[in-house]
Protein backbone atom coordinates (compact mmCIF):
# COMPACT_ATOMS: atom_id res chain seq x y z
CA MET A 1 42.23 141.22 137.80
CA LYS A 2 41.43 140.39 134.33
CA ASN A 3 44.57 137.15 134.65
CA LEU A 4 42.50 136.12 137.74
CA LYS A 5 39.31 135.85 135.87
CA LYS A 6 41.07 133.59 133.29
CA GLN A 7 42.68 131.59 135.52
CA ARG A 8 39.17 130.98 137.21
CA ARG A 9 37.95 129.94 134.05
CA ILE A 10 40.48 127.45 133.49
CA GLN A 11 39.99 125.98 136.83
CA ILE A 12 36.01 125.45 136.26
CA ILE A 13 36.53 124.09 132.84
CA ALA A 14 39.47 121.59 134.21
CA VAL A 15 37.10 120.58 137.26
CA ALA A 16 34.32 119.70 134.87
CA ALA A 17 36.12 117.72 132.38
CA VAL A 18 37.50 115.90 135.40
CA ALA A 19 33.96 115.12 136.72
CA LEU A 20 32.70 114.42 133.19
CA THR A 21 35.29 111.64 133.21
CA LEU A 22 34.99 110.12 136.62
CA SER A 23 31.04 110.10 136.24
CA THR A 24 31.48 108.30 132.39
CA ALA A 25 33.55 105.82 134.10
CA LEU A 26 31.24 105.19 136.91
CA ILE A 27 28.69 104.87 134.35
CA GLY A 28 30.45 102.50 132.51
CA TYR A 29 31.45 100.44 135.47
CA ALA A 30 28.09 100.41 136.99
CA MET A 31 26.26 99.00 133.14
CA LYS A 32 28.76 96.48 132.40
CA ASP A 33 27.06 93.14 134.03
CA GLY A 34 23.97 94.84 132.90
CA ILE A 35 24.91 94.41 129.15
CA ASN A 36 24.25 90.34 127.98
CA LEU A 37 25.45 90.12 124.64
CA PHE A 38 23.11 87.73 122.21
CA ARG A 39 25.24 85.12 120.59
CA SER A 40 24.14 82.31 118.16
CA PRO A 41 24.94 78.27 119.04
CA THR A 42 27.50 78.58 116.13
CA GLN A 43 29.04 81.74 117.26
CA VAL A 44 28.98 80.12 121.20
CA VAL A 45 31.10 77.30 119.18
CA GLU A 46 33.41 78.97 116.99
CA GLU A 47 34.21 81.62 119.46
CA PRO A 48 33.68 80.68 123.00
CA PRO A 49 33.06 83.52 125.43
CA ARG A 50 35.67 84.20 127.78
CA MET A 51 35.02 82.22 131.17
CA GLY A 52 32.41 84.01 133.57
CA GLU A 53 30.60 86.07 130.70
CA VAL A 54 27.38 86.40 131.16
CA PHE A 55 25.46 86.51 127.44
CA ARG A 56 22.25 85.03 126.08
CA ILE A 57 21.80 82.30 123.78
CA GLY A 58 19.01 81.86 121.50
CA GLY A 59 17.77 79.69 119.14
CA LEU A 60 15.40 76.08 118.82
CA VAL A 61 15.10 73.60 121.44
CA LEU A 62 16.49 70.59 119.63
CA GLU A 63 13.99 67.99 119.78
CA GLY A 64 14.78 65.12 121.45
CA SER A 65 16.96 66.54 124.13
CA LEU A 66 14.87 67.90 126.46
CA ILE A 67 15.73 65.89 130.12
CA ARG A 68 13.83 66.81 133.34
CA GLY A 69 15.88 65.76 136.17
CA GLU A 70 14.90 65.71 139.64
CA GLY A 71 12.88 68.86 141.22
CA THR A 72 13.37 71.20 138.71
CA ALA A 73 16.59 70.55 136.99
CA VAL A 74 16.35 70.48 133.09
CA THR A 75 18.95 69.98 130.69
CA PHE A 76 18.14 70.46 126.75
CA ALA A 77 20.53 71.79 123.62
CA VAL A 78 19.66 74.79 121.88
CA THR A 79 20.36 74.72 118.01
CA ASP A 80 20.31 77.24 114.93
CA THR A 81 20.50 74.28 112.52
CA ASN A 82 24.44 74.72 112.16
CA ALA A 83 25.84 74.10 115.59
CA THR A 84 24.10 73.10 118.81
CA VAL A 85 25.28 73.88 122.67
CA PRO A 86 23.86 72.03 125.52
CA VAL A 87 21.97 73.64 127.87
CA SER A 88 21.83 73.07 131.65
CA TYR A 89 18.84 74.82 133.86
CA THR A 90 17.77 74.57 137.44
CA GLY A 91 14.14 76.25 137.43
CA VAL A 92 10.89 76.32 136.42
CA LEU A 93 10.45 76.36 132.73
CA PRO A 94 7.86 78.66 130.75
CA ASP A 95 4.70 77.29 130.14
CA LEU A 96 5.26 77.51 126.48
CA PHE A 97 8.62 76.04 126.19
CA GLU A 98 8.71 72.83 124.08
CA GLU A 99 11.18 71.19 121.87
CA ASN A 100 11.41 72.83 118.12
CA GLN A 101 10.17 76.38 119.41
CA GLY A 102 12.61 79.38 119.62
CA MET A 103 14.11 80.33 122.95
CA ILE A 104 16.53 82.48 124.88
CA GLY A 105 18.64 82.06 127.55
CA THR A 106 20.84 84.11 129.94
CA GLY A 107 23.46 82.70 131.91
CA THR A 108 27.18 81.50 131.41
CA LEU A 109 29.05 79.12 129.19
CA GLN A 110 30.96 76.22 131.30
CA ASP A 111 33.18 73.17 130.22
CA GLY A 112 31.15 73.61 126.56
CA VAL A 113 27.80 73.66 128.70
CA PHE A 114 25.42 76.81 128.82
CA ILE A 115 24.69 76.93 132.63
CA ALA A 116 21.20 79.16 132.36
CA SER A 117 20.06 81.60 134.96
CA GLU A 118 16.98 82.46 132.71
CA ILE A 119 15.13 81.05 129.98
CA LEU A 120 12.48 82.93 127.99
CA ALA A 121 10.22 81.24 125.63
CA LYS A 122 7.93 82.45 122.61
CA HIS A 123 4.64 83.64 123.56
CA ASP A 124 2.45 82.92 120.86
CA GLU A 125 1.92 80.44 117.89
CA SER A 126 3.87 82.51 115.29
CA TYR A 127 6.38 85.15 118.13
CA MET A 128 10.14 83.88 117.67
CA PRO A 129 12.82 86.51 119.48
CA LYS A 130 14.25 89.03 116.70
CA GLU A 131 17.44 88.14 117.62
CA VAL A 132 16.88 84.24 116.96
CA VAL A 133 15.02 84.71 113.84
CA ASP A 134 18.36 87.09 112.64
CA ALA A 135 20.50 84.44 113.72
CA LEU A 136 18.49 81.89 111.32
CA LYS A 137 18.27 83.72 108.24
CA GLU A 138 22.20 84.23 108.70
CA GLN A 139 22.53 80.63 108.49
CA GLY A 140 19.62 80.51 105.81
CA VAL A 141 17.68 78.15 107.34
CA TYR A 142 14.64 80.60 108.64
CA GLN A 143 11.38 79.68 107.41
CA PRO A 144 8.41 81.99 108.23
CA SER A 145 5.61 80.52 109.87
CA SER A 146 2.71 80.16 107.42
CA GLU A 147 -0.14 81.84 109.50
């Protein structure tokens, strides 16, 4: 009788361990597309992401680079003042999107051009996304607003 209880306990622990491992693997698989790593233009140029990897890029919209194409197609360049990456986007840009302003885009890199699926812009006069500020500080070129 004692041996049977011990064997049953071992079976329960083994089944629980398998269930825990399986659920952890399923959660990891489900989240793999939901995790978007942030990269600055310098990081993208120095270590290009793998083909088809979805990531976020952020920096300042390079002055003079904003070109509006037909319909909602837009091209521009994003920079951290150390490196510049061309961006292509089809869609409606945020109202506050303009040159020399902070932005973050989500998308993939194809043939050296960032193909954005989403563009986010600053929301007031002094705001800049934390990731962009950190990247600019790392480059030694961040200048906080005078407000």
